[in-house]
C-alpha atoms as a PDB file:
ATOM      1  CA  MET A   1      15.285  -5.990  -9.046  1.00  0.00           C
ATOM      2  CA  SER A   2      14.797  -2.206  -7.410  1.00  0.00           C
ATOM      3  CA  HIS A   3      16.440  -0.780  -4.212  1.00  0.00           C
ATOM      4  CA  TYR A   4      14.330   0.995  -2.402  1.00  0.00           C
ATOM      5  CA  VAL A   5      15.600   3.585   0.608  1.00  0.00           C
ATOM      6  CA  THR A   6      13.070   4.615   3.645  1.00  0.00           C
ATOM      7  CA  ARG A   7      13.840   6.293   6.742  1.00  0.00           C
ATOM      8  CA  GLU A   8      15.132   4.011   9.695  1.00  0.00           C
ATOM      9  CA  ARG A   9      13.460   2.613  12.548  1.00  0.00           C
ATOM     10  CA  VAL A  10      10.338   1.475  10.069  1.00  0.00           C
ATOM     11  CA  HIS A  11       6.824   1.638  11.622  1.00  0.00           C
ATOM     12  CA  VAL A  12       3.625   0.866   9.916  1.00  0.00           C
ATOM     13  CA  ASP A  13       3.578   2.985   7.014  1.00  0.00           C
ATOM     14  CA  ARG A  14       7.315   2.141   5.528  1.00  0.00           C
ATOM     15  CA  ILE A  15       6.345  -1.153   6.771  1.00  0.00           C
ATOM     16  CA  ALA A  16       3.257  -1.792   4.792  1.00  0.00           C
ATOM     17  CA  THR A  17       4.528   0.127   2.010  1.00  0.00           C
ATOM     18  CA  ALA A  18       8.007  -1.910   1.513  1.00  0.00           C
ATOM     19  CA  TRP A  19       5.473  -5.071   2.163  1.00  0.00           C
ATOM     20  CA  ALA A  20       3.204  -3.964  -1.347  1.00  0.00           C
ATOM     21  CA  ILE A  21       6.344  -2.858  -3.097  1.00  0.00           C
ATOM     22  CA  ARG A  22       7.764  -6.987  -2.581  1.00  0.00           C
ATOM     23  CA  ARG A  23       4.399  -8.484  -3.301  1.00  0.00           C
ATOM     24  CA  PHE A  24       2.723  -6.657  -6.029  1.00  0.00           C
ATOM     25  CA  VAL A  25       5.518  -4.144  -7.895  1.00  0.00           C
ATOM     26  CA  ASP A  26       8.659  -5.838  -7.398  1.00  0.00           C
ATOM     27  CA  PRO A  27       8.878  -9.720  -6.089  1.00  0.00           C
ATOM     28  CA  ASP A  28      12.794  -8.593  -5.706  1.00  0.00           C
ATOM     29  CA  ALA A  29      13.098  -5.757  -4.477  1.00  0.00           C
ATOM     30  CA  THR A  30      15.552  -4.738  -1.628  1.00  0.00           C
ATOM     31  CA  PHE A  31      15.556  -1.899   0.693  1.00  0.00           C
ATOM     32  CA  GLY A  32      17.804   0.061   3.108  1.00  0.00           C
ATOM     33  CA  PHE A  33      17.404   2.448   5.696  1.00  0.00           C
ATOM     34  CA  VAL A  34      18.930   5.442   6.377  1.00  0.00           C
ATOM     35  CA  ALA A  35      18.721   8.459   9.023  1.00  0.00           C
ATOM     36  CA  ARG A  36      15.345  10.858   8.995  1.00  0.00           C
ATOM     37  CA  GLU A  37      17.691  13.740   7.811  1.00  0.00           C
ATOM     38  CA  ARG A  38      19.086  12.360   4.895  1.00  0.00           C
ATOM     39  CA  ASP A  39      18.359  13.825   1.529  1.00  0.00           C
ATOM     40  CA  PRO A  40      16.103  11.996  -0.975  1.00  0.00           C
ATOM     41  CA  GLU A  41      17.931  13.226  -3.574  1.00  0.00           C
ATOM     42  CA  ARG A  42      21.326  11.776  -2.200  1.00  0.00           C
ATOM     43  CA  VAL A  43      20.361   8.244  -1.110  1.00  0.00           C
ATOM     44  CA  GLU A  44      20.975   5.304  -3.724  1.00  0.00           C
ATOM     45  CA  GLY A  45      17.851   3.487  -4.923  1.00  0.00           C
ATOM     46  CA  THR A  46      14.151   4.874  -4.525  1.00  0.00           C
ATOM     47  CA  PRO A  47      13.089   6.743  -1.999  1.00  0.00           C
ATOM     48  CA  PHE A  48       9.611   6.395  -0.564  1.00  0.00           C
ATOM     49  CA  ASP A  49       8.572   7.796   2.533  1.00  0.00           C
ATOM     50  CA  MET A  50      10.697   9.978   3.032  1.00  0.00           C
ATOM     51  CA  ARG A  51      10.312  13.854   3.062  1.00  0.00           C
ATOM     52  CA  GLY A  52      10.396  15.165  -0.430  1.00  0.00           C
ATOM     53  CA  SER A  53      10.418  12.097  -2.107  1.00  0.00           C
ATOM     54  CA  ALA A  54       8.236  11.445  -4.915  1.00  0.00           C
ATOM     55  CA  LEU A  55       6.609   8.113  -3.229  1.00  0.00           C
ATOM     56  CA  SER A  56       5.500   9.615   0.396  1.00  0.00           C
ATOM     57  CA  HIS A  57       2.448  11.086   1.859  1.00  0.00           C
ATOM     58  CA  ARG A  58       0.529  13.446  -0.416  1.00  0.00           C
ATOM     59  CA  SER A  59      -3.167  15.185  -0.459  1.00  0.00           C
ATOM     60  CA  GLY A  60      -4.115  13.332   2.872  1.00  0.00           C
ATOM     61  CA  LYS A  61      -2.745  10.210   1.711  1.00  0.00           C
ATOM     62  CA  VAL A  62      -0.447   7.741   3.574  1.00  0.00           C
ATOM     63  CA  THR A  63       2.722   6.512   1.600  1.00  0.00           C
ATOM     64  CA  PHE A  64       0.985   3.292   1.102  1.00  0.00           C
ATOM     65  CA  GLU A  65      -2.292   4.861  -0.301  1.00  0.00           C
ATOM     66  CA  VAL A  66       0.039   7.066  -2.744  1.00  0.00           C
ATOM     67  CA  LEU A  67       1.992   3.468  -3.621  1.00  0.00           C
ATOM     68  CA  LEU A  68      -1.398   1.584  -4.236  1.00  0.00           C
ATOM     69  CA  ALA A  69      -2.805   4.577  -6.281  1.00  0.00           C
ATOM     70  CA  SER A  70       0.787   4.861  -8.376  1.00  0.00           C
ATOM     71  CA  HIS A  71       0.592   1.662  -9.922  1.00  0.00           C
ATOM     72  CA  GLN A  72      -3.320   1.238  -9.808  1.00  0.00           C
ATOM     73  CA  LEU A  73      -3.587  -1.388  -6.945  1.00  0.00           C
ATOM     74  CA  THR A  74      -7.491  -1.653  -6.878  1.00  0.00           C
ATOM     75  CA  ASP A  75      -7.694  -4.825  -5.087  1.00  0.00           C
ATOM     76  CA  PRO A  76     -10.708  -4.503  -2.838  1.00  0.00           C
ATOM     77  CA  ALA A  77      -8.707  -5.949  -0.110  1.00  0.00           C
ATOM     78  CA  LEU A  78      -5.435  -3.188  -0.386  1.00  0.00           C
ATOM     79  CA  ALA A  79      -8.520  -0.776  -0.319  1.00  0.00           C
ATOM     80  CA  ARG A  80      -9.696  -2.314   2.978  1.00  0.00           C
ATOM     81  CA  MET A  81      -5.761  -2.339   4.362  1.00  0.00           C
ATOM     82  CA  ALA A  82      -5.169   0.782   3.486  1.00  0.00           C
ATOM     83  CA  ALA A  83      -8.283   2.532   5.070  1.00  0.00           C
ATOM     84  CA  ILE A  84      -6.330   0.536   8.469  1.00  0.00           C
ATOM     85  CA  VAL A  85      -2.744   1.333   7.370  1.00  0.00           C
ATOM     86  CA  HIS A  86      -3.749   5.077   7.273  1.00  0.00           C
ATOM     87  CA  ALA A  87      -5.825   5.786  10.417  1.00  0.00           C
ATOM     88  CA  ALA A  88      -2.904   3.240  12.272  1.00  0.00           C
ATOM     89  CA  ASP A  89      -0.412   5.884  10.811  1.00  0.00           C
ATOM     90  CA  THR A  90      -1.824   8.962  10.878  1.00  0.00           C
ATOM     91  CA  TRP A  91      -4.123   8.757  14.509  1.00  0.00           C
ATOM     92  CA  GLU A  92      -7.163   9.238  12.724  1.00  0.00           C
ATOM     93  CA  ASP A  93      -9.306   6.875  14.376  1.00  0.00           C
ATOM     94  CA  ASP A  94      -9.364   3.982  17.045  1.00  0.00           C
ATOM     95  CA  THR A  95     -11.399   1.078  15.607  1.00  0.00           C
ATOM     96  CA  PRO A  96     -10.328  -2.178  16.776  1.00  0.00           C
ATOM     97  CA  GLU A  97      -8.081  -3.321  13.489  1.00  0.00           C
ATOM     98  CA  THR A  98      -7.054   0.190  14.042  1.00  0.00           C
ATOM     99  CA  ALA A  99      -5.526  -0.257  17.579  1.00  0.00           C
ATOM    100  CA  GLY A 100      -4.617  -3.357  17.220  1.00  0.00           C
ATOM    101  CA  VAL A 101      -2.503  -2.786  14.077  1.00  0.00           C
ATOM    102  CA  ARG A 102      -1.151  -0.154  15.858  1.00  0.00           C
ATOM    103  CA  ALA A 103      -0.451  -2.171  18.837  1.00  0.00           C
ATOM    104  CA  ILE A 104       1.836  -4.637  17.017  1.00  0.00           C
ATOM    105  CA  PHE A 105       3.631  -2.326  14.675  1.00  0.00           C
ATOM    106  CA  ASP A 106       4.718  -0.232  17.925  1.00  0.00           C
ATOM    107  CA  GLY A 107       6.193  -3.682  19.110  1.00  0.00           C
ATOM    108  CA  ILE A 108       7.700  -4.685  15.824  1.00  0.00           C
ATOM    109  CA  ARG A 109       9.285  -1.499  15.988  1.00  0.00           C
ATOM    110  CA  ASP A 110      10.343  -0.902  19.942  1.00  0.00           C
ATOM    111  CA  GLY A 111      10.939  -4.822  20.156  1.00  0.00           C
ATOM    112  CA  LEU A 112      13.451  -5.692  17.285  1.00  0.00           C
ATOM    113  CA  PRO A 113      16.984  -4.346  17.077  1.00  0.00           C
ATOM    114  CA  SER A 114      16.994  -4.144  13.104  1.00  0.00           C
ATOM    115  CA  ASP A 115      15.267  -2.674  10.679  1.00  0.00           C
ATOM    116  CA  GLU A 116      15.701  -5.708   8.115  1.00  0.00           C
ATOM    117  CA  GLU A 117      14.089  -7.956  11.196  1.00  0.00           C
ATOM    118  CA  ARG A 118      11.277  -5.422  11.835  1.00  0.00           C
ATOM    119  CA  LEU A 119      10.553  -5.898   7.775  1.00  0.00           C
ATOM    120  CA  ALA A 120      10.925  -9.430   8.102  1.00  0.00           C
ATOM    121  CA  ILE A 121       8.587  -9.899  10.834  1.00  0.00           C
ATOM    122  CA  GLY A 122       6.553  -6.684   9.554  1.00  0.00           C
ATOM    123  CA  PHE A 123       5.819  -9.023   6.371  1.00  0.00           C
ATOM    124  CA  ASN A 124       4.213 -11.515   7.721  1.00  0.00           C
ATOM    125  CA  VAL A 125       1.776  -9.545   9.881  1.00  0.00           C
ATOM    126  CA  CYS A 126       0.978  -7.568   6.066  1.00  0.00           C
ATOM    127  CA  GLU A 127       0.069 -10.610   4.659  1.00  0.00           C
ATOM    128  CA  ALA A 128      -2.215 -11.561   7.309  1.00  0.00           C
ATOM    129  CA  LEU A 129      -4.030  -8.083   7.223  1.00  0.00           C
ATOM    130  CA  TYR A 130      -3.767  -8.258   3.915  1.00  0.00           C
ATOM    131  CA  ALA A 131      -5.655 -11.963   3.997  1.00  0.00           C
ATOM    132  CA  TYR A 132      -8.060 -10.812   6.978  1.00  0.00           C
ATOM    133  CA  CYS A 133      -9.226  -7.945   4.469  1.00  0.00           C
ATOM    134  CA  ALA A 134      -9.983 -10.110   2.150  1.00  0.00           C
ATOM    135  CA  GLY A 135     -12.258 -12.236   4.147  1.00  0.00           C
ATOM    136  CA  ARG A 136     -10.018 -15.504   3.770  1.00  0.00           C
ATOM    137  CA  ARG A 137     -10.902 -18.235   6.103  1.00  0.00           C
ATOM    138  CA  SER A 138      -8.429 -21.109   7.102  1.00  0.00           C
ATOM    139  CA  GLU A 139      -9.917 -24.941   6.930  1.00  0.00           C
ATOM    140  CA  GLY A 140     -11.899 -25.121   9.877  1.00  0.00           C
ATOM    141  CA  GLY A 141     -11.836 -21.308  11.051  1.00  0.00           C
ATOM    142  CA  ALA A 142     -14.618 -18.679  11.907  1.00  0.00           C
ATOM    143  CA  ARG A 143     -14.963 -15.247  11.671  1.00  0.00           C
END
């Protein structure tokens, strides 16, 4: 089990990255949250999406994309999800999916009082987004 640390008031990229860590890298991972100004070298655990940390925005990619590449997660649904997360986090486009994801994560960030709650709800949203990107259909559901 590993402990990961990121900036407080998690939003799109940090929630999606934490979800991917728990879902595909370390199912027992725990998460902590620190102030934006915190030096990543002074945190207890593996920092992510913090200025100066190895697991953060790199070469035009958001942290979620960096995590997928560093762990060689090549699932096509994750690649589709990464494009949506990237666009929602960077405001680079406004497809219906991107605008919807951004709006939902804005509500999670602004409507829930703690980062633990934000991750709990955000993980459910990420699971749904992953299923959407995989093209999964529920019994009797149409798309």
